[in-house]
Amino acid sequence: MADVAITFSVLPEDSDSNMDTMIAEIKNVLKDQCRISNIEKKEIAFGLMKISLEIVVKDDEGQQDRIEELLRGIKGVGQVDAEDMSLV
């Protein structure tokens, strides 16, 4: 079975959220669920930041939805969007 790389955009609930704390919590929540290939903070505009997250999971049905649900359950996360998906 192939692996899939999925890129997520994770936006905080508000501009005062501690992005480093959110990154640490994302790593903790996902450590047994998938492989994180890249995670970084990026400025969107006017000081508003987002977390760009790229993970690798098995190409099973429902994997993306399960990861999105885990990410939405993290304190401080306001929005999660899948930006890209490709076979690896």
N, C-alpha and C. Protein backbone atom coordinates (compact mmCIF):
# COMPACT_ATOMS: atom_id res chain seq x y z
N MET A 1 0.85 -1.18 0.00
CA MET A 1 0.00 0.00 0.00
C MET A 1 0.89 1.24 0.00
N ALA A 2 0.52 2.22 -0.77
CA ALA A 2 1.28 3.45 -0.92
C ALA A 2 1.08 4.39 0.28
N ASP A 3 2.00 5.33 0.38
CA ASP A 3 1.87 6.38 1.38
C ASP A 3 1.37 7.64 0.70
N VAL A 4 0.74 8.51 1.50
CA VAL A 4 0.21 9.78 1.00
C VAL A 4 0.80 10.91 1.85
N ALA A 5 1.27 11.96 1.19
CA ALA A 5 1.71 13.17 1.87
C ALA A 5 0.57 14.16 1.82
N ILE A 6 0.20 14.67 3.00
CA ILE A 6 -0.89 15.64 3.08
C ILE A 6 -0.34 16.90 3.74
N THR A 7 -0.61 18.04 3.12
CA THR A 7 -0.21 19.32 3.68
C THR A 7 -1.44 20.01 4.26
N PHE A 8 -1.33 20.38 5.54
CA PHE A 8 -2.42 21.07 6.23
C PHE A 8 -2.00 22.49 6.56
N SER A 9 -2.97 23.37 6.58
CA SER A 9 -2.81 24.72 7.09
C SER A 9 -3.59 24.78 8.40
N VAL A 10 -2.90 25.08 9.49
CA VAL A 10 -3.52 25.12 10.81
C VAL A 10 -3.51 26.56 11.29
N LEU A 11 -4.71 27.13 11.46
CA LEU A 11 -4.84 28.51 11.89
C LEU A 11 -5.24 28.58 13.36
N PRO A 12 -4.69 29.54 14.10
CA PRO A 12 -5.03 29.67 15.52
C PRO A 12 -6.41 30.31 15.69
N GLU A 13 -6.96 30.14 16.91
CA GLU A 13 -8.25 30.76 17.23
C GLU A 13 -8.15 32.28 17.21
N ASP A 14 -7.03 32.81 17.71
CA ASP A 14 -6.83 34.26 17.70
C ASP A 14 -5.36 34.57 17.49
N SER A 15 -5.07 35.82 17.21
CA SER A 15 -3.70 36.22 16.88
C SER A 15 -2.75 36.17 18.07
N ASP A 16 -3.27 36.05 19.28
CA ASP A 16 -2.43 36.01 20.48
C ASP A 16 -2.03 34.59 20.87
N SER A 17 -2.44 33.60 20.10
CA SER A 17 -2.13 32.21 20.43
C SER A 17 -0.63 31.97 20.37
N ASN A 18 -0.14 31.12 21.27
CA ASN A 18 1.28 30.77 21.30
C ASN A 18 1.51 29.66 20.27
N MET A 19 2.12 30.02 19.16
CA MET A 19 2.32 29.08 18.06
C MET A 19 3.29 27.96 18.43
N ASP A 20 4.31 28.27 19.24
CA ASP A 20 5.27 27.24 19.64
C ASP A 20 4.60 26.17 20.50
N THR A 21 3.69 26.59 21.36
CA THR A 21 2.94 25.64 22.19
C THR A 21 2.04 24.78 21.31
N MET A 22 1.42 25.39 20.31
CA MET A 22 0.56 24.63 19.40
C MET A 22 1.37 23.62 18.60
N ILE A 23 2.56 24.00 18.15
CA ILE A 23 3.42 23.07 17.41
C ILE A 23 3.81 21.89 18.28
N ALA A 24 4.16 22.16 19.53
CA ALA A 24 4.52 21.08 20.45
C ALA A 24 3.35 20.14 20.67
N GLU A 25 2.14 20.69 20.81
CA GLU A 25 0.95 19.86 21.02
C GLU A 25 0.61 19.06 19.77
N ILE A 26 0.78 19.65 18.59
CA ILE A 26 0.54 18.93 17.34
C ILE A 26 1.47 17.73 17.26
N LYS A 27 2.75 17.95 17.54
CA LYS A 27 3.72 16.85 17.51
C LYS A 27 3.33 15.75 18.50
N ASN A 28 2.88 16.15 19.68
CA ASN A 28 2.49 15.18 20.70
C ASN A 28 1.26 14.37 20.28
N VAL A 29 0.25 15.03 19.74
CA VAL A 29 -0.99 14.37 19.35
C VAL A 29 -0.78 13.43 18.16
N LEU A 30 0.09 13.82 17.24
CA LEU A 30 0.26 13.04 16.01
C LEU A 30 1.40 12.03 16.05
N LYS A 31 2.17 11.99 17.13
CA LYS A 31 3.39 11.17 17.15
C LYS A 31 3.14 9.69 16.87
N ASP A 32 2.00 9.13 17.26
CA ASP A 32 1.71 7.72 17.02
C ASP A 32 0.75 7.51 15.85
N GLN A 33 0.34 8.60 15.19
CA GLN A 33 -0.66 8.52 14.14
C GLN A 33 -0.08 8.59 12.72
N CYS A 34 1.04 9.29 12.59
CA CYS A 34 1.61 9.52 11.27
C CYS A 34 3.05 9.98 11.42
N ARG A 35 3.70 10.20 10.29
CA ARG A 35 5.05 10.75 10.31
C ARG A 35 4.96 12.21 9.88
N ILE A 36 5.48 13.11 10.70
CA ILE A 36 5.50 14.53 10.36
C ILE A 36 6.78 14.78 9.55
N SER A 37 6.61 15.18 8.30
CA SER A 37 7.78 15.44 7.46
C SER A 37 8.21 16.90 7.49
N ASN A 38 7.29 17.80 7.82
CA ASN A 38 7.63 19.22 7.92
C ASN A 38 6.58 19.93 8.76
N ILE A 39 7.04 20.83 9.62
CA ILE A 39 6.13 21.67 10.39
C ILE A 39 6.82 22.99 10.63
N GLU A 40 6.14 24.08 10.26
CA GLU A 40 6.74 25.40 10.43
C GLU A 40 5.68 26.48 10.55
N LYS A 41 6.09 27.58 11.18
CA LYS A 41 5.23 28.75 11.29
C LYS A 41 5.43 29.61 10.04
N LYS A 42 4.34 30.15 9.53
CA LYS A 42 4.41 31.04 8.38
C LYS A 42 3.51 32.24 8.63
N GLU A 43 3.99 33.39 8.22
CA GLU A 43 3.17 34.60 8.33
C GLU A 43 2.23 34.67 7.14
N ILE A 44 0.96 34.91 7.43
CA ILE A 44 -0.03 35.03 6.37
C ILE A 44 -0.08 36.49 5.90
N ALA A 45 -0.38 37.40 6.85
CA ALA A 45 -0.42 38.83 6.55
C ALA A 45 -0.63 39.60 7.84
N PHE A 46 -0.05 40.76 7.91
CA PHE A 46 -0.26 41.68 9.03
C PHE A 46 -0.05 41.03 10.39
N GLY A 47 0.96 40.19 10.49
CA GLY A 47 1.29 39.55 11.76
C GLY A 47 0.49 38.31 12.08
N LEU A 48 -0.49 37.97 11.25
CA LEU A 48 -1.27 36.75 11.46
C LEU A 48 -0.44 35.56 10.99
N MET A 49 -0.31 34.56 11.87
CA MET A 49 0.52 33.39 11.58
C MET A 49 -0.34 32.15 11.37
N LYS A 50 0.25 31.18 10.68
CA LYS A 50 -0.37 29.87 10.53
C LYS A 50 0.73 28.83 10.69
N ILE A 51 0.32 27.59 10.91
CA ILE A 51 1.26 26.48 10.95
C ILE A 51 1.05 25.68 9.68
N SER A 52 2.12 25.49 8.94
CA SER A 52 2.10 24.65 7.76
C SER A 52 2.62 23.28 8.18
N LEU A 53 1.82 22.27 7.98
CA LEU A 53 2.12 20.92 8.47
C LEU A 53 2.04 19.93 7.33
N GLU A 54 3.11 19.19 7.11
CA GLU A 54 3.10 18.12 6.11
C GLU A 54 3.32 16.79 6.82
N ILE A 55 2.40 15.86 6.59
CA ILE A 55 2.48 14.55 7.22
C ILE A 55 2.46 13.47 6.15
N VAL A 56 2.89 12.28 6.53
CA VAL A 56 2.84 11.12 5.64
C VAL A 56 2.07 10.02 6.36
N VAL A 57 1.03 9.49 5.69
CA VAL A 57 0.20 8.42 6.24
C VAL A 57 0.01 7.35 5.18
N LYS A 58 -0.45 6.19 5.60
CA LYS A 58 -0.81 5.13 4.65
C LYS A 58 -2.03 5.58 3.85
N ASP A 59 -2.12 5.12 2.63
CA ASP A 59 -3.22 5.50 1.74
C ASP A 59 -4.47 4.68 2.07
N ASP A 60 -5.00 4.90 3.26
CA ASP A 60 -6.23 4.23 3.69
C ASP A 60 -7.37 5.24 3.71
N GLU A 61 -8.56 4.76 3.46
CA GLU A 61 -9.74 5.62 3.48
C GLU A 61 -9.95 6.20 4.87
N GLY A 62 -10.22 7.50 4.93
CA GLY A 62 -10.53 8.16 6.19
C GLY A 62 -9.34 8.70 6.95
N GLN A 63 -8.13 8.50 6.46
CA GLN A 63 -6.94 8.98 7.17
C GLN A 63 -6.94 10.50 7.30
N GLN A 64 -7.24 11.20 6.22
CA GLN A 64 -7.24 12.66 6.25
C GLN A 64 -8.26 13.18 7.26
N ASP A 65 -9.45 12.63 7.25
CA ASP A 65 -10.49 13.06 8.18
C ASP A 65 -10.09 12.82 9.63
N ARG A 66 -9.44 11.68 9.89
CA ARG A 66 -9.02 11.35 11.25
C ARG A 66 -7.96 12.33 11.74
N ILE A 67 -7.00 12.68 10.89
CA ILE A 67 -5.96 13.63 11.26
C ILE A 67 -6.56 15.01 11.48
N GLU A 68 -7.45 15.43 10.60
CA GLU A 68 -8.10 16.74 10.75
C GLU A 68 -8.85 16.81 12.08
N GLU A 69 -9.54 15.76 12.44
CA GLU A 69 -10.28 15.73 13.70
C GLU A 69 -9.33 15.86 14.90
N LEU A 70 -8.21 15.16 14.85
CA LEU A 70 -7.22 15.26 15.93
C LEU A 70 -6.66 16.68 16.03
N LEU A 71 -6.38 17.29 14.89
CA LEU A 71 -5.85 18.65 14.90
C LEU A 71 -6.87 19.65 15.44
N ARG A 72 -8.13 19.50 15.06
CA ARG A 72 -9.17 20.42 15.54
C ARG A 72 -9.39 20.31 17.06
N GLY A 73 -9.04 19.17 17.63
CA GLY A 73 -9.21 18.96 19.06
C GLY A 73 -8.12 19.60 19.91
N ILE A 74 -7.10 20.16 19.29
CA ILE A 74 -5.99 20.79 20.02
C ILE A 74 -6.40 22.18 20.47
N LYS A 75 -6.11 22.48 21.73
CA LYS A 75 -6.44 23.79 22.30
C LYS A 75 -5.72 24.89 21.52
N GLY A 76 -6.46 25.90 21.12
CA GLY A 76 -5.90 27.03 20.40
C GLY A 76 -6.06 26.94 18.90
N VAL A 77 -6.41 25.76 18.38
CA VAL A 77 -6.59 25.60 16.93
C VAL A 77 -7.97 26.10 16.54
N GLY A 78 -8.01 27.02 15.59
CA GLY A 78 -9.28 27.56 15.14
C GLY A 78 -9.79 26.95 13.85
N GLN A 79 -8.87 26.64 12.94
CA GLN A 79 -9.27 26.12 11.64
C GLN A 79 -8.18 25.21 11.08
N VAL A 80 -8.60 24.14 10.43
CA VAL A 80 -7.67 23.20 9.79
C VAL A 80 -8.15 22.99 8.35
N ASP A 81 -7.24 23.21 7.42
CA ASP A 81 -7.56 23.01 6.01
C ASP A 81 -6.50 22.14 5.36
N ALA A 82 -6.94 21.15 4.61
CA ALA A 82 -6.02 20.35 3.81
C ALA A 82 -5.72 21.14 2.53
N GLU A 83 -4.44 21.43 2.30
CA GLU A 83 -4.06 22.24 1.14
C GLU A 83 -3.62 21.39 -0.05
N ASP A 84 -3.00 20.24 0.23
CA ASP A 84 -2.45 19.44 -0.85
C ASP A 84 -2.35 17.99 -0.42
N MET A 85 -2.44 17.09 -1.39
CA MET A 85 -2.31 15.66 -1.11
C MET A 85 -1.66 15.02 -2.33
N SER A 86 -0.64 14.16 -2.07
CA SER A 86 0.00 13.48 -3.18
C SER A 86 0.56 12.14 -2.73
N LEU A 87 0.63 11.20 -3.65
CA LEU A 87 1.23 9.90 -3.36
C LEU A 87 2.73 10.05 -3.26
N VAL A 88 3.33 9.32 -2.34
CA VAL A 88 4.80 9.33 -2.21
C VAL A 88 5.34 7.93 -2.36
